[in-house]
Amino acid sequence: MLIGTAQITLYAPWVHSLKEKRMVVNSILAKVQNQFHLSAAEVDCQDIHQTIVIGIACVAGTAALADSVIDHAVNFIESNTEAEITEVLKEIR
């Protein structure tokens, strides 16, 4: 059993309040969880308006499958939000 994780940092320049940020984050999390059945949460920078850091995790039987699921989830996030992905840190254990 392997665990694939990713920390995805996004920049949303139009967000000017934590309430706006929360709406963007909740939308992304709900979409990713419904589409891929992953664990997902905002993991850092909760008090910074324009920076969103999302952590996702999946369990897989092989490293290739875990890497594929994480890659698909990152691509899905990129295509379903106007926020710009600035960094992706992946790890498979």
PDB file of N, CA and C in Angstrom:
ATOM      1  N   MET A   1       0.846  -1.174   0.000  1.00  0.00           N
ATOM      2  CA  MET A   1       0.000   0.000   0.000  1.00  0.00           C
ATOM      3  C   MET A   1       0.893   1.240   0.000  1.00  0.00           C
ATOM      4  N   LEU A   2       0.589   2.175  -0.873  1.00  0.00           N
ATOM      5  CA  LEU A   2       1.335   3.424  -0.977  1.00  0.00           C
ATOM      6  C   LEU A   2       0.384   4.603  -0.795  1.00  0.00           C
ATOM      7  N   ILE A   3       0.931   5.674  -0.272  1.00  0.00           N
ATOM      8  CA  ILE A   3       0.155   6.897  -0.070  1.00  0.00           C
ATOM      9  C   ILE A   3       0.779   7.988  -0.931  1.00  0.00           C
ATOM     10  N   GLY A   4      -0.038   8.591  -1.783  1.00  0.00           N
ATOM     11  CA  GLY A   4       0.410   9.707  -2.605  1.00  0.00           C
ATOM     12  C   GLY A   4      -0.140  10.998  -2.035  1.00  0.00           C
ATOM     13  N   THR A   5       0.717  11.983  -1.882  1.00  0.00           N
ATOM     14  CA  THR A   5       0.280  13.279  -1.360  1.00  0.00           C
ATOM     15  C   THR A   5       0.779  14.394  -2.273  1.00  0.00           C
ATOM     16  N   ALA A   6       0.062  15.501  -2.230  1.00  0.00           N
ATOM     17  CA  ALA A   6       0.497  16.689  -2.965  1.00  0.00           C
ATOM     18  C   ALA A   6       0.078  17.921  -2.186  1.00  0.00           C
ATOM     19  N   GLN A   7       0.929  18.903  -2.203  1.00  0.00           N
ATOM     20  CA  GLN A   7       0.626  20.218  -1.644  1.00  0.00           C
ATOM     21  C   GLN A   7       0.620  21.182  -2.816  1.00  0.00           C
ATOM     22  N   ILE A   8      -0.544  21.760  -3.085  1.00  0.00           N
ATOM     23  CA  ILE A   8      -0.741  22.615  -4.251  1.00  0.00           C
ATOM     24  C   ILE A   8      -0.939  24.041  -3.778  1.00  0.00           C
ATOM     25  N   THR A   9      -0.087  24.941  -4.241  1.00  0.00           N
ATOM     26  CA  THR A   9      -0.188  26.360  -3.894  1.00  0.00           C
ATOM     27  C   THR A   9      -0.777  27.106  -5.078  1.00  0.00           C
ATOM     28  N   LEU A  10      -1.827  27.883  -4.794  1.00  0.00           N
ATOM     29  CA  LEU A  10      -2.496  28.652  -5.832  1.00  0.00           C
ATOM     30  C   LEU A  10      -2.471  30.128  -5.466  1.00  0.00           C
ATOM     31  N   TYR A  11      -2.481  30.972  -6.491  1.00  0.00           N
ATOM     32  CA  TYR A  11      -2.531  32.418  -6.304  1.00  0.00           C
ATOM     33  C   TYR A  11      -3.814  32.929  -6.942  1.00  0.00           C
ATOM     34  N   ALA A  12      -4.633  33.611  -6.149  1.00  0.00           N
ATOM     35  CA  ALA A  12      -5.913  34.147  -6.608  1.00  0.00           C
ATOM     36  C   ALA A  12      -5.916  35.658  -6.386  1.00  0.00           C
ATOM     37  N   PRO A  13      -5.463  36.435  -7.374  1.00  0.00           N
ATOM     38  CA  PRO A  13      -5.290  37.879  -7.175  1.00  0.00           C
ATOM     39  C   PRO A  13      -6.586  38.658  -6.975  1.00  0.00           C
ATOM     40  N   TRP A  14      -7.721  38.114  -7.377  1.00  0.00           N
ATOM     41  CA  TRP A  14      -8.995  38.817  -7.237  1.00  0.00           C
ATOM     42  C   TRP A  14      -9.615  38.684  -5.845  1.00  0.00           C
ATOM     43  N   VAL A  15      -9.084  37.815  -4.997  1.00  0.00           N
ATOM     44  CA  VAL A  15      -9.646  37.589  -3.662  1.00  0.00           C
ATOM     45  C   VAL A  15      -9.180  38.702  -2.721  1.00  0.00           C
ATOM     46  N   HIS A  16     -10.141  39.374  -2.081  1.00  0.00           N
ATOM     47  CA  HIS A  16      -9.804  40.491  -1.193  1.00  0.00           C
ATOM     48  C   HIS A  16     -10.316  40.314   0.229  1.00  0.00           C
ATOM     49  N   SER A  17     -10.881  39.148   0.526  1.00  0.00           N
ATOM     50  CA  SER A  17     -11.333  38.895   1.894  1.00  0.00           C
ATOM     51  C   SER A  17     -11.248  37.393   2.169  1.00  0.00           C
ATOM     52  N   LEU A  18     -11.224  37.047   3.435  1.00  0.00           N
ATOM     53  CA  LEU A  18     -11.184  35.629   3.799  1.00  0.00           C
ATOM     54  C   LEU A  18     -12.483  34.928   3.412  1.00  0.00           C
ATOM     55  N   LYS A  19     -13.587  35.677   3.395  1.00  0.00           N
ATOM     56  CA  LYS A  19     -14.868  35.103   2.990  1.00  0.00           C
ATOM     57  C   LYS A  19     -14.832  34.698   1.513  1.00  0.00           C
ATOM     58  N   GLU A  20     -14.287  35.557   0.661  1.00  0.00           N
ATOM     59  CA  GLU A  20     -14.136  35.222  -0.755  1.00  0.00           C
ATOM     60  C   GLU A  20     -13.216  34.010  -0.925  1.00  0.00           C
ATOM     61  N   LYS A  21     -12.133  34.003  -0.178  1.00  0.00           N
ATOM     62  CA  LYS A  21     -11.180  32.900  -0.260  1.00  0.00           C
ATOM     63  C   LYS A  21     -11.841  31.594   0.156  1.00  0.00           C
ATOM     64  N   ARG A  22     -12.612  31.629   1.223  1.00  0.00           N
ATOM     65  CA  ARG A  22     -13.286  30.430   1.719  1.00  0.00           C
ATOM     66  C   ARG A  22     -14.225  29.861   0.655  1.00  0.00           C
ATOM     67  N   MET A  23     -14.923  30.743  -0.089  1.00  0.00           N
ATOM     68  CA  MET A  23     -15.821  30.279  -1.145  1.00  0.00           C
ATOM     69  C   MET A  23     -15.036  29.573  -2.253  1.00  0.00           C
ATOM     70  N   VAL A  24     -13.891  30.123  -2.632  1.00  0.00           N
ATOM     71  CA  VAL A  24     -13.054  29.512  -3.672  1.00  0.00           C
ATOM     72  C   VAL A  24     -12.516  28.161  -3.185  1.00  0.00           C
ATOM     73  N   VAL A  25     -11.995  28.139  -1.968  1.00  0.00           N
ATOM     74  CA  VAL A  25     -11.410  26.913  -1.413  1.00  0.00           C
ATOM     75  C   VAL A  25     -12.463  25.818  -1.290  1.00  0.00           C
ATOM     76  N   ASN A  26     -13.620  26.146  -0.738  1.00  0.00           N
ATOM     77  CA  ASN A  26     -14.676  25.145  -0.568  1.00  0.00           C
ATOM     78  C   ASN A  26     -15.130  24.581  -1.905  1.00  0.00           C
ATOM     79  N   SER A  27     -15.201  25.426  -2.918  1.00  0.00           N
ATOM     80  CA  SER A  27     -15.578  24.959  -4.252  1.00  0.00           C
ATOM     81  C   SER A  27     -14.551  23.973  -4.805  1.00  0.00           C
ATOM     82  N   ILE A  28     -13.281  24.325  -4.708  1.00  0.00           N
ATOM     83  CA  ILE A  28     -12.212  23.446  -5.203  1.00  0.00           C
ATOM     84  C   ILE A  28     -12.227  22.119  -4.456  1.00  0.00           C
ATOM     85  N   LEU A  29     -12.308  22.174  -3.137  1.00  0.00           N
ATOM     86  CA  LEU A  29     -12.272  20.950  -2.332  1.00  0.00           C
ATOM     87  C   LEU A  29     -13.440  20.035  -2.666  1.00  0.00           C
ATOM     88  N   ALA A  30     -14.642  20.585  -2.772  1.00  0.00           N
ATOM     89  CA  ALA A  30     -15.821  19.771  -3.074  1.00  0.00           C
ATOM     90  C   ALA A  30     -15.697  19.104  -4.438  1.00  0.00           C
ATOM     91  N   LYS A  31     -15.240  19.859  -5.434  1.00  0.00           N
ATOM     92  CA  LYS A  31     -15.096  19.299  -6.781  1.00  0.00           C
ATOM     93  C   LYS A  31     -14.070  18.178  -6.821  1.00  0.00           C
ATOM     94  N   VAL A  32     -12.916  18.397  -6.186  1.00  0.00           N
ATOM     95  CA  VAL A  32     -11.851  17.384  -6.193  1.00  0.00           C
ATOM     96  C   VAL A  32     -12.294  16.126  -5.447  1.00  0.00           C
ATOM     97  N   GLN A  33     -12.921  16.308  -4.297  1.00  0.00           N
ATOM     98  CA  GLN A  33     -13.356  15.152  -3.513  1.00  0.00           C
ATOM     99  C   GLN A  33     -14.428  14.349  -4.253  1.00  0.00           C
ATOM    100  N   ASN A  34     -15.347  15.026  -4.919  1.00  0.00           N
ATOM    101  CA  ASN A  34     -16.389  14.327  -5.676  1.00  0.00           C
ATOM    102  C   ASN A  34     -15.841  13.614  -6.899  1.00  0.00           C
ATOM    103  N   GLN A  35     -14.919  14.241  -7.595  1.00  0.00           N
ATOM    104  CA  GLN A  35     -14.387  13.683  -8.837  1.00  0.00           C
ATOM    105  C   GLN A  35     -13.428  12.527  -8.597  1.00  0.00           C
ATOM    106  N   PHE A  36     -12.562  12.630  -7.580  1.00  0.00           N
ATOM    107  CA  PHE A  36     -11.481  11.659  -7.400  1.00  0.00           C
ATOM    108  C   PHE A  36     -11.545  10.854  -6.108  1.00  0.00           C
ATOM    109  N   HIS A  37     -12.463  11.150  -5.228  1.00  0.00           N
ATOM    110  CA  HIS A  37     -12.582  10.449  -3.936  1.00  0.00           C
ATOM    111  C   HIS A  37     -11.260  10.482  -3.163  1.00  0.00           C
ATOM    112  N   LEU A  38     -10.665  11.674  -3.123  1.00  0.00           N
ATOM    113  CA  LEU A  38      -9.414  11.913  -2.401  1.00  0.00           C
ATOM    114  C   LEU A  38      -9.710  12.609  -1.087  1.00  0.00           C
ATOM    115  N   SER A  39      -8.755  12.576  -0.194  1.00  0.00           N
ATOM    116  CA  SER A  39      -8.796  13.451   0.970  1.00  0.00           C
ATOM    117  C   SER A  39      -8.203  14.777   0.542  1.00  0.00           C
ATOM    118  N   ALA A  40      -8.886  15.861   0.869  1.00  0.00           N
ATOM    119  CA  ALA A  40      -8.405  17.184   0.465  1.00  0.00           C
ATOM    120  C   ALA A  40      -8.771  18.194   1.542  1.00  0.00           C
ATOM    121  N   ALA A  41      -7.853  19.132   1.783  1.00  0.00           N
ATOM    122  CA  ALA A  41      -8.090  20.167   2.793  1.00  0.00           C
ATOM    123  C   ALA A  41      -7.169  21.350   2.528  1.00  0.00           C
ATOM    124  N   GLU A  42      -7.569  22.519   3.044  1.00  0.00           N
ATOM    125  CA  GLU A  42      -6.674  23.670   3.027  1.00  0.00           C
ATOM    126  C   GLU A  42      -5.690  23.447   4.164  1.00  0.00           C
ATOM    127  N   VAL A  43      -4.392  23.462   3.856  1.00  0.00           N
ATOM    128  CA  VAL A  43      -3.401  23.044   4.841  1.00  0.00           C
ATOM    129  C   VAL A  43      -2.457  24.141   5.318  1.00  0.00           C
ATOM    130  N   ASP A  44      -2.463  25.306   4.674  1.00  0.00           N
ATOM    131  CA  ASP A  44      -1.531  26.354   5.070  1.00  0.00           C
ATOM    132  C   ASP A  44      -2.045  27.695   4.569  1.00  0.00           C
ATOM    133  N   CYS A  45      -1.485  28.767   5.102  1.00  0.00           N
ATOM    134  CA  CYS A  45      -1.784  30.149   4.678  1.00  0.00           C
ATOM    135  C   CYS A  45      -3.272  30.487   4.806  1.00  0.00           C
ATOM    136  N   GLN A  46      -3.927  29.993   5.843  1.00  0.00           N
ATOM    137  CA  GLN A  46      -5.353  30.261   6.009  1.00  0.00           C
ATOM    138  C   GLN A  46      -5.659  31.740   6.217  1.00  0.00           C
ATOM    139  N   ASP A  47      -4.715  32.524   6.706  1.00  0.00           N
ATOM    140  CA  ASP A  47      -4.954  33.940   6.995  1.00  0.00           C
ATOM    141  C   ASP A  47      -4.476  34.876   5.892  1.00  0.00           C
ATOM    142  N   ILE A  48      -3.973  34.333   4.801  1.00  0.00           N
ATOM    143  CA  ILE A  48      -3.492  35.156   3.690  1.00  0.00           C
ATOM    144  C   ILE A  48      -4.539  35.112   2.580  1.00  0.00           C
ATOM    145  N   HIS A  49      -5.075  36.267   2.215  1.00  0.00           N
ATOM    146  CA  HIS A  49      -6.223  36.348   1.317  1.00  0.00           C
ATOM    147  C   HIS A  49      -5.992  35.727  -0.048  1.00  0.00           C
ATOM    148  N   GLN A  50      -4.879  35.981  -0.685  1.00  0.00           N
ATOM    149  CA  GLN A  50      -4.706  35.602  -2.082  1.00  0.00           C
ATOM    150  C   GLN A  50      -3.895  34.327  -2.301  1.00  0.00           C
ATOM    151  N   THR A  51      -3.450  33.699  -1.238  1.00  0.00           N
ATOM    152  CA  THR A  51      -2.686  32.461  -1.348  1.00  0.00           C
ATOM    153  C   THR A  51      -3.511  31.311  -0.794  1.00  0.00           C
ATOM    154  N   ILE A  52      -3.657  30.274  -1.612  1.00  0.00           N
ATOM    155  CA  ILE A  52      -4.416  29.078  -1.225  1.00  0.00           C
ATOM    156  C   ILE A  52      -3.452  27.899  -1.278  1.00  0.00           C
ATOM    157  N   VAL A  53      -3.382  27.137  -0.192  1.00  0.00           N
ATOM    158  CA  VAL A  53      -2.551  25.937  -0.167  1.00  0.00           C
ATOM    159  C   VAL A  53      -3.456  24.762   0.167  1.00  0.00           C
ATOM    160  N   ILE A  54      -3.572  23.852  -0.796  1.00  0.00           N
ATOM    161  CA  ILE A  54      -4.444  22.691  -0.652  1.00  0.00           C
ATOM    162  C   ILE A  54      -3.580  21.443  -0.577  1.00  0.00           C
ATOM    163  N   GLY A  55      -3.921  20.559   0.345  1.00  0.00           N
ATOM    164  CA  GLY A  55      -3.256  19.267   0.444  1.00  0.00           C
ATOM    165  C   GLY A  55      -4.220  18.183  -0.001  1.00  0.00           C
ATOM    166  N   ILE A  56      -3.724  17.246  -0.820  1.00  0.00           N
ATOM    167  CA  ILE A  56      -4.539  16.108  -1.220  1.00  0.00           C
ATOM    168  C   ILE A  56      -3.766  14.830  -0.949  1.00  0.00           C
ATOM    169  N   ALA A  57      -4.498  13.742  -0.693  1.00  0.00           N
ATOM    170  CA  ALA A  57      -3.856  12.461  -0.416  1.00  0.00           C
ATOM    171  C   ALA A  57      -4.710  11.325  -0.977  1.00  0.00           C
ATOM    172  N   CYS A  58      -4.036  10.302  -1.471  1.00  0.00           N
ATOM    173  CA  CYS A  58      -4.734   9.114  -1.963  1.00  0.00           C
ATOM    174  C   CYS A  58      -3.962   7.866  -1.548  1.00  0.00           C
ATOM    175  N   VAL A  59      -4.682   6.757  -1.526  1.00  0.00           N
ATOM    176  CA  VAL A  59      -4.069   5.463  -1.235  1.00  0.00           C
ATOM    177  C   VAL A  59      -4.134   4.643  -2.516  1.00  0.00           C
ATOM    178  N   ALA A  60      -3.014   3.989  -2.872  1.00  0.00           N
ATOM    179  CA  ALA A  60      -2.965   3.206  -4.108  1.00  0.00           C
ATOM    180  C   ALA A  60      -2.095   1.972  -3.908  1.00  0.00           C
ATOM    181  N   GLY A  61      -2.244   1.047  -4.822  1.00  0.00           N
ATOM    182  CA  GLY A  61      -1.467  -0.183  -4.754  1.00  0.00           C
ATOM    183  C   GLY A  61      -0.082  -0.059  -5.355  1.00  0.00           C
ATOM    184  N   THR A  62       0.079   0.880  -6.293  1.00  0.00           N
ATOM    185  CA  THR A  62       1.376   1.062  -6.942  1.00  0.00           C
ATOM    186  C   THR A  62       1.742   2.543  -6.970  1.00  0.00           C
ATOM    187  N   ALA A  63       3.023   2.812  -7.091  1.00  0.00           N
ATOM    188  CA  ALA A  63       3.491   4.197  -7.162  1.00  0.00           C
ATOM    189  C   ALA A  63       2.984   4.871  -8.431  1.00  0.00           C
ATOM    190  N   ALA A  64       2.921   4.134  -9.524  1.00  0.00           N
ATOM    191  CA  ALA A  64       2.451   4.703 -10.786  1.00  0.00           C
ATOM    192  C   ALA A  64       0.990   5.133 -10.686  1.00  0.00           C
ATOM    193  N   LEU A  65       0.167   4.333 -10.034  1.00  0.00           N
ATOM    194  CA  LEU A  65      -1.244   4.680  -9.868  1.00  0.00           C
ATOM    195  C   LEU A  65      -1.401   5.905  -8.979  1.00  0.00           C
ATOM    196  N   ALA A  66      -0.675   5.955  -7.879  1.00  0.00           N
ATOM    197  CA  ALA A  66      -0.740   7.110  -6.978  1.00  0.00           C
ATOM    198  C   ALA A  66      -0.290   8.375  -7.694  1.00  0.00           C
ATOM    199  N   ASP A  67       0.787   8.284  -8.455  1.00  0.00           N
ATOM    200  CA  ASP A  67       1.290   9.436  -9.206  1.00  0.00           C
ATOM    201  C   ASP A  67       0.270   9.888 -10.255  1.00  0.00           C
ATOM    202  N   SER A  68      -0.357   8.951 -10.912  1.00  0.00           N
ATOM    203  CA  SER A  68      -1.358   9.263 -11.928  1.00  0.00           C
ATOM    204  C   SER A  68      -2.573   9.958 -11.325  1.00  0.00           C
ATOM    205  N   VAL A  69      -3.056   9.460 -10.205  1.00  0.00           N
ATOM    206  CA  VAL A  69      -4.218  10.062  -9.547  1.00  0.00           C
ATOM    207  C   VAL A  69      -3.897  11.490  -9.106  1.00  0.00           C
ATOM    208  N   ILE A  70      -2.727  11.690  -8.522  1.00  0.00           N
ATOM    209  CA  ILE A  70      -2.322  13.031  -8.082  1.00  0.00           C
ATOM    210  C   ILE A  70      -2.204  13.967  -9.285  1.00  0.00           C
ATOM    211  N   ASP A  71      -1.574  13.503 -10.362  1.00  0.00           N
ATOM    212  CA  ASP A  71      -1.438  14.329 -11.572  1.00  0.00           C
ATOM    213  C   ASP A  71      -2.798  14.716 -12.141  1.00  0.00           C
ATOM    214  N   HIS A  72      -3.720  13.765 -12.206  1.00  0.00           N
ATOM    215  CA  HIS A  72      -5.055  14.058 -12.721  1.00  0.00           C
ATOM    216  C   HIS A  72      -5.776  15.068 -11.823  1.00  0.00           C
ATOM    217  N   ALA A  73      -5.615  14.936 -10.521  1.00  0.00           N
ATOM    218  CA  ALA A  73      -6.255  15.871  -9.602  1.00  0.00           C
ATOM    219  C   ALA A  73      -5.692  17.280  -9.753  1.00  0.00           C
ATOM    220  N   VAL A  74      -4.387  17.395  -9.917  1.00  0.00           N
ATOM    221  CA  VAL A  74      -3.759  18.706 -10.111  1.00  0.00           C
ATOM    222  C   VAL A  74      -4.240  19.334 -11.416  1.00  0.00           C
ATOM    223  N   ASN A  75      -4.297  18.542 -12.476  1.00  0.00           N
ATOM    224  CA  ASN A  75      -4.793  19.053 -13.760  1.00  0.00           C
ATOM    225  C   ASN A  75      -6.259  19.473 -13.654  1.00  0.00           C
ATOM    226  N   PHE A  76      -7.041  18.723 -12.908  1.00  0.00           N
ATOM    227  CA  PHE A  76      -8.451  19.052 -12.705  1.00  0.00           C
ATOM    228  C   PHE A  76      -8.592  20.380 -11.963  1.00  0.00           C
ATOM    229  N   ILE A  77      -7.791  20.568 -10.926  1.00  0.00           N
ATOM    230  CA  ILE A  77      -7.824  21.829 -10.172  1.00  0.00           C
ATOM    231  C   ILE A  77      -7.450  22.984 -11.085  1.00  0.00           C
ATOM    232  N   GLU A  78      -6.400  22.792 -11.889  1.00  0.00           N
ATOM    233  CA  GLU A  78      -5.944  23.852 -12.786  1.00  0.00           C
ATOM    234  C   GLU A  78      -7.024  24.239 -13.796  1.00  0.00           C
ATOM    235  N   SER A  79      -7.772  23.267 -14.273  1.00  0.00           N
ATOM    236  CA  SER A  79      -8.776  23.564 -15.297  1.00  0.00           C
ATOM    237  C   SER A  79     -10.108  24.037 -14.707  1.00  0.00           C
ATOM    238  N   ASN A  80     -10.311  23.895 -13.399  1.00  0.00           N
ATOM    239  CA  ASN A  80     -11.593  24.247 -12.802  1.00  0.00           C
ATOM    240  C   ASN A  80     -11.545  25.448 -11.872  1.00  0.00           C
ATOM    241  N   THR A  81     -10.489  26.219 -11.947  1.00  0.00           N
ATOM    242  CA  THR A  81     -10.425  27.446 -11.159  1.00  0.00           C
ATOM    243  C   THR A  81      -9.645  28.497 -11.938  1.00  0.00           C
ATOM    244  N   GLU A  82      -9.929  29.746 -11.644  1.00  0.00           N
ATOM    245  CA  GLU A  82      -9.198  30.837 -12.281  1.00  0.00           C
ATOM    246  C   GLU A  82      -7.883  31.119 -11.565  1.00  0.00           C
ATOM    247  N   ALA A  83      -7.704  30.543 -10.383  1.00  0.00           N
ATOM    248  CA  ALA A  83      -6.469  30.748  -9.629  1.00  0.00           C
ATOM    249  C   ALA A  83      -5.304  30.076 -10.361  1.00  0.00           C
ATOM    250  N   GLU A  84      -4.139  30.673 -10.231  1.00  0.00           N
ATOM    251  CA  GLU A  84      -2.932  30.174 -10.889  1.00  0.00           C
ATOM    252  C   GLU A  84      -2.170  29.249  -9.943  1.00  0.00           C
ATOM    253  N   ILE A  85      -1.840  28.057 -10.411  1.00  0.00           N
ATOM    254  CA  ILE A  85      -1.023  27.142  -9.607  1.00  0.00           C
ATOM    255  C   ILE A  85       0.418  27.623  -9.674  1.00  0.00           C
ATOM    256  N   THR A  86       0.979  27.927  -8.510  1.00  0.00           N
ATOM    257  CA  THR A  86       2.351  28.418  -8.468  1.00  0.00           C
ATOM    258  C   THR A  86       3.356  27.357  -8.032  1.00  0.00           C
ATOM    259  N   GLU A  87       2.875  26.321  -7.348  1.00  0.00           N
ATOM    260  CA  GLU A  87       3.799  25.279  -6.873  1.00  0.00           C
ATOM    261  C   GLU A  87       3.025  24.004  -6.591  1.00  0.00           C
ATOM    262  N   VAL A  88       3.642  22.873  -6.923  1.00  0.00           N
ATOM    263  CA  VAL A  88       3.084  21.569  -6.598  1.00  0.00           C
ATOM    264  C   VAL A  88       4.206  20.732  -6.007  1.00  0.00           C
ATOM    265  N   LEU A  89       4.023  20.273  -4.785  1.00  0.00           N
ATOM    266  CA  LEU A  89       4.995  19.382  -4.129  1.00  0.00           C
ATOM    267  C   LEU A  89       4.353  18.012  -3.982  1.00  0.00           C
ATOM    268  N   LYS A  90       4.888  17.009  -4.701  1.00  0.00           N
ATOM    269  CA  LYS A  90       4.329  15.661  -4.644  1.00  0.00           C
ATOM    270  C   LYS A  90       5.263  14.744  -3.873  1.00  0.00           C
ATOM    271  N   GLU A  91       4.641  13.762  -3.221  1.00  0.00           N
ATOM    272  CA  GLU A  91       5.424  12.762  -2.501  1.00  0.00           C
ATOM    273  C   GLU A  91       4.645  11.457  -2.490  1.00  0.00           C
ATOM    274  N   ILE A  92       5.338  10.358  -2.704  1.00  0.00           N
ATOM    275  CA  ILE A  92       4.703   9.042  -2.648  1.00  0.00           C
ATOM    276  C   ILE A  92       5.499   8.210  -1.663  1.00  0.00           C
ATOM    277  N   ARG A  93       4.801   7.640  -0.713  1.00  0.00           N
ATOM    278  CA  ARG A  93       5.456   6.827   0.336  1.00  0.00           C
ATOM    279  C   ARG A  93       4.888   5.432   0.350  1.00  0.00           C
TER     280      ARG A  93
END
